[in-house]
């Protein structure tokens, strides 16, 4: 399995718009072959002294942390699926930086090979 993970800071006032965008995106990723698509809003995200989710995205007052991941069968499948999603016209302007309901410059993301799965 292969996982794309990301963490973003979302203004609380934009959570409804973020959820709409995420539902649309999640449907496209699943339709194009992703095995799972999950977005979770912080509920117990303590501030750390040296590091934390909040520090990683430079969380500001009135924002919440969103942790998300997309699961694929392999990195090859991830690359193929992401290419299809990005070319899908239904994604449209929703994914343009100007229309994002969060500051995409503070987004942390990466691809991960499964190391342990029980």
N, C-alpha and C. Protein backbone atom coordinates (compact mmCIF):
# COMPACT_ATOMS: atom_id res chain seq x y z
N UNK A 1 0.83 -1.18 0.00
CA UNK A 1 0.00 0.00 0.00
C UNK A 1 0.88 1.24 0.00
N UNK A 2 0.31 2.31 -0.51
CA UNK A 2 0.99 3.59 -0.56
C UNK A 2 0.01 4.66 -0.08
N UNK A 3 0.51 5.64 0.68
CA UNK A 3 -0.37 6.64 1.27
C UNK A 3 0.16 8.03 1.00
N UNK A 4 -0.72 8.91 0.52
CA UNK A 4 -0.44 10.34 0.48
C UNK A 4 -1.03 10.93 1.74
N UNK A 5 -0.24 11.67 2.49
CA UNK A 5 -0.75 12.29 3.71
C UNK A 5 -0.55 13.78 3.65
N UNK A 6 -1.44 14.51 4.31
CA UNK A 6 -1.26 15.95 4.38
C UNK A 6 -1.92 16.54 5.61
N UNK A 7 -1.39 17.69 6.01
CA UNK A 7 -1.89 18.44 7.15
C UNK A 7 -2.06 19.88 6.70
N UNK A 8 -3.21 20.48 7.01
CA UNK A 8 -3.48 21.87 6.66
C UNK A 8 -4.14 22.59 7.83
N UNK A 9 -4.01 23.91 7.82
CA UNK A 9 -4.71 24.77 8.77
C UNK A 9 -5.91 25.35 8.03
N UNK A 10 -7.10 25.16 8.57
CA UNK A 10 -8.31 25.65 7.92
C UNK A 10 -9.00 26.64 8.86
N UNK A 11 -9.30 27.85 8.40
CA UNK A 11 -10.07 28.76 9.23
C UNK A 11 -11.43 28.12 9.59
N UNK A 12 -11.80 28.23 10.85
CA UNK A 12 -13.07 27.64 11.30
C UNK A 12 -14.23 28.14 10.45
N UNK A 13 -14.20 29.41 10.05
CA UNK A 13 -15.29 29.98 9.25
C UNK A 13 -15.36 29.36 7.86
N UNK A 14 -14.29 28.67 7.43
CA UNK A 14 -14.25 28.05 6.10
C UNK A 14 -14.45 26.54 6.12
N UNK A 15 -14.76 25.98 7.29
CA UNK A 15 -14.87 24.52 7.38
C UNK A 15 -15.95 23.94 6.46
N UNK A 16 -17.07 24.61 6.34
CA UNK A 16 -18.14 24.10 5.48
C UNK A 16 -17.67 24.08 4.02
N UNK A 17 -17.01 25.13 3.58
CA UNK A 17 -16.49 25.18 2.21
C UNK A 17 -15.40 24.13 2.02
N UNK A 18 -14.56 23.96 3.02
CA UNK A 18 -13.50 22.95 2.95
C UNK A 18 -14.11 21.55 2.84
N UNK A 19 -15.15 21.29 3.62
CA UNK A 19 -15.82 19.98 3.57
C UNK A 19 -16.42 19.73 2.19
N UNK A 20 -17.06 20.73 1.60
CA UNK A 20 -17.63 20.57 0.25
C UNK A 20 -16.53 20.24 -0.75
N UNK A 21 -15.42 20.98 -0.68
CA UNK A 21 -14.30 20.74 -1.58
C UNK A 21 -13.75 19.32 -1.37
N UNK A 22 -13.60 18.92 -0.11
CA UNK A 22 -13.05 17.60 0.21
C UNK A 22 -13.95 16.47 -0.26
N UNK A 23 -15.23 16.63 -0.09
CA UNK A 23 -16.17 15.58 -0.56
C UNK A 23 -16.08 15.41 -2.07
N UNK A 24 -16.02 16.53 -2.78
CA UNK A 24 -15.90 16.47 -4.24
C UNK A 24 -14.58 15.81 -4.63
N UNK A 25 -13.50 16.25 -4.01
CA UNK A 25 -12.19 15.68 -4.33
C UNK A 25 -12.14 14.20 -3.97
N UNK A 26 -12.65 13.85 -2.81
CA UNK A 26 -12.64 12.46 -2.38
C UNK A 26 -13.38 11.54 -3.34
N UNK A 27 -14.52 12.00 -3.83
CA UNK A 27 -15.28 11.21 -4.80
C UNK A 27 -14.47 10.98 -6.07
N UNK A 28 -13.76 12.02 -6.52
CA UNK A 28 -12.95 11.88 -7.73
C UNK A 28 -11.79 10.91 -7.50
N UNK A 29 -11.10 11.04 -6.37
CA UNK A 29 -9.98 10.13 -6.10
C UNK A 29 -10.47 8.69 -6.02
N UNK A 30 -11.59 8.48 -5.35
CA UNK A 30 -12.12 7.11 -5.23
C UNK A 30 -12.57 6.59 -6.60
N UNK A 31 -13.23 7.43 -7.37
CA UNK A 31 -13.69 7.02 -8.70
C UNK A 31 -12.52 6.63 -9.60
N UNK A 32 -11.40 7.31 -9.44
CA UNK A 32 -10.24 7.03 -10.28
C UNK A 32 -9.34 5.92 -9.70
N UNK A 33 -9.74 5.34 -8.56
CA UNK A 33 -9.03 4.16 -8.08
C UNK A 33 -8.42 4.19 -6.70
N UNK A 34 -8.46 5.32 -6.00
CA UNK A 34 -7.94 5.35 -4.64
C UNK A 34 -8.74 4.38 -3.78
N UNK A 35 -8.07 3.70 -2.87
CA UNK A 35 -8.73 2.72 -2.01
C UNK A 35 -9.48 3.36 -0.85
N UNK A 36 -8.98 4.51 -0.39
CA UNK A 36 -9.64 5.21 0.71
C UNK A 36 -9.24 6.68 0.66
N UNK A 37 -10.12 7.53 1.17
CA UNK A 37 -9.87 8.97 1.22
C UNK A 37 -10.46 9.45 2.53
N UNK A 38 -9.61 9.99 3.42
CA UNK A 38 -10.07 10.38 4.76
C UNK A 38 -9.56 11.78 5.08
N UNK A 39 -10.44 12.62 5.60
CA UNK A 39 -10.06 13.93 6.11
C UNK A 39 -10.64 14.04 7.52
N UNK A 40 -9.81 14.44 8.47
CA UNK A 40 -10.22 14.52 9.86
C UNK A 40 -9.83 15.87 10.45
N UNK A 41 -10.76 16.48 11.17
CA UNK A 41 -10.51 17.77 11.80
C UNK A 41 -10.00 17.54 13.22
N UNK A 42 -9.01 18.35 13.62
CA UNK A 42 -8.40 18.19 14.93
C UNK A 42 -9.41 18.29 16.06
N UNK A 43 -9.31 17.37 17.00
CA UNK A 43 -10.18 17.35 18.17
C UNK A 43 -9.35 17.37 19.45
N UNK A 44 -8.22 16.69 19.42
CA UNK A 44 -7.31 16.63 20.56
C UNK A 44 -5.90 16.82 20.01
N UNK A 45 -5.57 18.06 19.70
CA UNK A 45 -4.31 18.39 19.04
C UNK A 45 -3.54 19.37 19.95
N UNK A 46 -2.83 18.83 20.93
CA UNK A 46 -2.15 19.71 21.88
C UNK A 46 -0.99 20.49 21.25
N UNK A 47 -0.77 21.68 21.77
CA UNK A 47 0.36 22.49 21.31
C UNK A 47 1.63 21.88 21.91
N UNK A 48 2.64 21.74 21.10
CA UNK A 48 3.90 21.18 21.58
C UNK A 48 4.90 22.27 21.91
N UNK A 49 5.92 21.88 22.67
CA UNK A 49 6.97 22.85 23.01
C UNK A 49 7.96 22.99 21.86
N UNK A 50 8.33 21.88 21.20
CA UNK A 50 9.24 21.98 20.07
C UNK A 50 8.56 21.74 18.75
N UNK A 51 7.68 20.73 18.70
CA UNK A 51 6.95 20.43 17.47
C UNK A 51 5.51 20.06 17.81
N UNK A 52 4.65 20.19 16.84
CA UNK A 52 3.25 19.79 16.97
C UNK A 52 2.58 19.99 15.62
N UNK A 53 1.38 19.45 15.48
CA UNK A 53 0.63 19.70 14.25
C UNK A 53 0.40 21.20 14.09
N UNK A 54 0.04 21.87 15.17
CA UNK A 54 -0.23 23.31 15.09
C UNK A 54 1.01 24.09 14.62
N UNK A 55 2.16 23.75 15.17
CA UNK A 55 3.39 24.44 14.75
C UNK A 55 3.74 24.12 13.30
N UNK A 56 3.47 22.90 12.89
CA UNK A 56 3.86 22.50 11.53
C UNK A 56 3.14 23.30 10.45
N UNK A 57 1.92 23.75 10.74
CA UNK A 57 1.17 24.52 9.75
C UNK A 57 1.01 25.99 10.15
N UNK A 58 1.76 26.38 11.19
CA UNK A 58 1.72 27.76 11.69
C UNK A 58 0.28 28.18 11.99
N UNK A 59 -0.40 27.35 12.78
CA UNK A 59 -1.81 27.56 13.11
C UNK A 59 -2.02 28.94 13.74
N UNK A 60 -3.04 29.63 13.27
CA UNK A 60 -3.39 30.95 13.77
C UNK A 60 -4.68 30.86 14.57
N UNK A 61 -4.96 31.85 15.42
CA UNK A 61 -6.24 31.85 16.14
C UNK A 61 -7.40 31.77 15.15
N UNK A 62 -8.40 30.99 15.50
CA UNK A 62 -9.57 30.83 14.63
C UNK A 62 -9.41 29.78 13.56
N UNK A 63 -8.30 29.02 13.60
CA UNK A 63 -8.07 27.94 12.64
C UNK A 63 -8.05 26.60 13.35
N UNK A 64 -8.31 25.54 12.58
CA UNK A 64 -8.22 24.18 13.08
C UNK A 64 -7.28 23.39 12.18
N UNK A 65 -6.70 22.33 12.74
CA UNK A 65 -5.82 21.46 11.97
C UNK A 65 -6.66 20.37 11.31
N UNK A 66 -6.40 20.12 10.04
CA UNK A 66 -7.01 19.00 9.34
C UNK A 66 -5.89 18.05 8.92
N UNK A 67 -6.06 16.79 9.28
CA UNK A 67 -5.13 15.72 8.93
C UNK A 67 -5.86 14.83 7.95
N UNK A 68 -5.21 14.48 6.85
CA UNK A 68 -5.89 13.70 5.83
C UNK A 68 -4.94 12.72 5.16
N UNK A 69 -5.54 11.68 4.58
CA UNK A 69 -4.72 10.74 3.82
C UNK A 69 -5.55 10.05 2.75
N UNK A 70 -4.84 9.64 1.70
CA UNK A 70 -5.44 8.90 0.59
C UNK A 70 -4.64 7.62 0.45
N UNK A 71 -5.33 6.50 0.34
CA UNK A 71 -4.68 5.19 0.28
C UNK A 71 -4.75 4.64 -1.14
N UNK A 72 -3.63 4.09 -1.59
CA UNK A 72 -3.50 3.49 -2.92
C UNK A 72 -2.90 2.10 -2.78
N UNK A 73 -3.00 1.31 -3.81
CA UNK A 73 -2.39 -0.01 -3.81
C UNK A 73 -0.88 0.03 -3.90
N UNK A 74 -0.34 1.05 -4.57
CA UNK A 74 1.10 1.18 -4.76
C UNK A 74 1.42 2.61 -5.19
N UNK A 75 2.70 2.94 -5.22
CA UNK A 75 3.08 4.26 -5.70
C UNK A 75 2.78 4.40 -7.18
N UNK A 76 2.97 3.36 -7.94
CA UNK A 76 2.64 3.39 -9.37
C UNK A 76 1.17 3.73 -9.55
N UNK A 77 0.30 3.08 -8.76
CA UNK A 77 -1.13 3.37 -8.84
C UNK A 77 -1.42 4.80 -8.41
N UNK A 78 -0.73 5.27 -7.35
CA UNK A 78 -0.92 6.65 -6.89
C UNK A 78 -0.60 7.64 -8.00
N UNK A 79 0.53 7.43 -8.66
CA UNK A 79 0.93 8.34 -9.73
C UNK A 79 -0.08 8.33 -10.87
N UNK A 80 -0.57 7.16 -11.23
CA UNK A 80 -1.55 7.04 -12.31
C UNK A 80 -2.87 7.70 -11.91
N UNK A 81 -3.33 7.43 -10.68
CA UNK A 81 -4.60 7.99 -10.21
C UNK A 81 -4.51 9.51 -10.10
N UNK A 82 -3.43 10.03 -9.52
CA UNK A 82 -3.29 11.48 -9.38
C UNK A 82 -3.27 12.17 -10.74
N UNK A 83 -2.65 11.55 -11.71
CA UNK A 83 -2.62 12.13 -13.06
C UNK A 83 -4.05 12.22 -13.61
N UNK A 84 -4.83 11.16 -13.42
CA UNK A 84 -6.22 11.16 -13.90
C UNK A 84 -7.06 12.21 -13.16
N UNK A 85 -6.88 12.29 -11.85
CA UNK A 85 -7.66 13.26 -11.06
C UNK A 85 -7.33 14.68 -11.52
N UNK A 86 -6.06 14.99 -11.67
CA UNK A 86 -5.66 16.34 -12.06
C UNK A 86 -6.14 16.71 -13.47
N UNK A 87 -6.34 15.71 -14.32
CA UNK A 87 -6.83 15.96 -15.68
C UNK A 87 -8.36 15.96 -15.75
N UNK A 88 -9.03 15.56 -14.68
CA UNK A 88 -10.48 15.47 -14.68
C UNK A 88 -11.09 16.87 -14.66
N UNK A 89 -11.90 17.20 -15.67
CA UNK A 89 -12.47 18.55 -15.73
C UNK A 89 -13.42 18.87 -14.58
N UNK A 90 -13.93 17.84 -13.90
CA UNK A 90 -14.82 18.09 -12.76
C UNK A 90 -14.08 18.69 -11.57
N UNK A 91 -12.78 18.52 -11.53
CA UNK A 91 -12.00 19.10 -10.44
C UNK A 91 -12.02 20.62 -10.57
N UNK A 92 -11.86 21.06 -11.79
CA UNK A 92 -12.05 22.47 -12.14
C UNK A 92 -11.36 23.47 -11.26
N UNK A 93 -12.00 24.61 -11.12
CA UNK A 93 -11.43 25.74 -10.39
C UNK A 93 -11.42 25.51 -8.89
N UNK A 94 -12.10 24.46 -8.40
CA UNK A 94 -12.12 24.21 -6.96
C UNK A 94 -10.73 24.01 -6.39
N UNK A 95 -9.82 23.49 -7.19
CA UNK A 95 -8.48 23.21 -6.69
C UNK A 95 -7.48 24.31 -7.04
N UNK A 96 -7.93 25.39 -7.64
CA UNK A 96 -7.03 26.51 -7.92
C UNK A 96 -6.69 27.19 -6.59
N UNK A 97 -5.44 27.58 -6.42
CA UNK A 97 -4.98 28.16 -5.15
C UNK A 97 -5.86 29.33 -4.70
N UNK A 98 -6.34 30.12 -5.64
CA UNK A 98 -7.14 31.30 -5.29
C UNK A 98 -8.48 30.93 -4.67
N UNK A 99 -9.02 29.75 -4.99
CA UNK A 99 -10.33 29.38 -4.48
C UNK A 99 -10.27 28.44 -3.28
N UNK A 100 -9.08 28.09 -2.82
CA UNK A 100 -8.94 27.18 -1.69
C UNK A 100 -9.44 27.85 -0.41
N UNK A 101 -10.19 27.11 0.42
CA UNK A 101 -10.67 27.68 1.68
C UNK A 101 -9.63 27.59 2.80
N UNK A 102 -8.36 27.54 2.43
CA UNK A 102 -7.25 27.50 3.39
C UNK A 102 -6.01 28.03 2.68
N UNK A 103 -4.96 28.30 3.44
CA UNK A 103 -3.72 28.81 2.88
C UNK A 103 -2.86 27.62 2.44
N UNK A 104 -2.84 27.34 1.15
CA UNK A 104 -2.13 26.17 0.64
C UNK A 104 -0.62 26.27 0.82
N UNK A 105 -0.10 27.46 1.08
CA UNK A 105 1.35 27.61 1.31
C UNK A 105 1.76 26.99 2.64
N UNK A 106 0.80 26.78 3.54
CA UNK A 106 1.11 26.19 4.85
C UNK A 106 0.73 24.71 4.90
N UNK A 107 0.44 24.13 3.77
CA UNK A 107 0.09 22.70 3.68
C UNK A 107 1.36 21.86 3.72
N UNK A 108 1.31 20.80 4.50
CA UNK A 108 2.42 19.85 4.55
C UNK A 108 1.91 18.55 3.94
N UNK A 109 2.70 17.96 3.04
CA UNK A 109 2.22 16.75 2.36
C UNK A 109 3.39 15.86 1.98
N UNK A 110 3.08 14.62 1.70
CA UNK A 110 4.11 13.69 1.24
C UNK A 110 3.51 12.33 0.95
N UNK A 111 4.28 11.52 0.24
CA UNK A 111 3.89 10.15 -0.08
C UNK A 111 4.67 9.19 0.80
N UNK A 112 4.00 8.13 1.25
CA UNK A 112 4.59 7.21 2.21
C UNK A 112 4.38 5.76 1.81
N UNK A 113 5.44 4.97 1.89
CA UNK A 113 5.34 3.52 1.70
C UNK A 113 4.87 2.92 3.02
N UNK A 114 3.96 1.98 2.94
CA UNK A 114 3.50 1.31 4.15
C UNK A 114 4.65 0.54 4.77
N UNK A 115 4.83 0.76 6.06
CA UNK A 115 5.93 0.14 6.81
C UNK A 115 5.42 -0.94 7.76
N UNK A 116 4.30 -0.66 8.42
CA UNK A 116 3.65 -1.61 9.31
C UNK A 116 2.15 -1.51 9.09
N UNK A 117 1.50 -2.63 8.97
CA UNK A 117 0.04 -2.66 8.86
C UNK A 117 -0.44 -3.90 9.59
N UNK A 118 -1.29 -3.72 10.57
CA UNK A 118 -1.75 -4.86 11.38
C UNK A 118 -3.26 -5.02 11.22
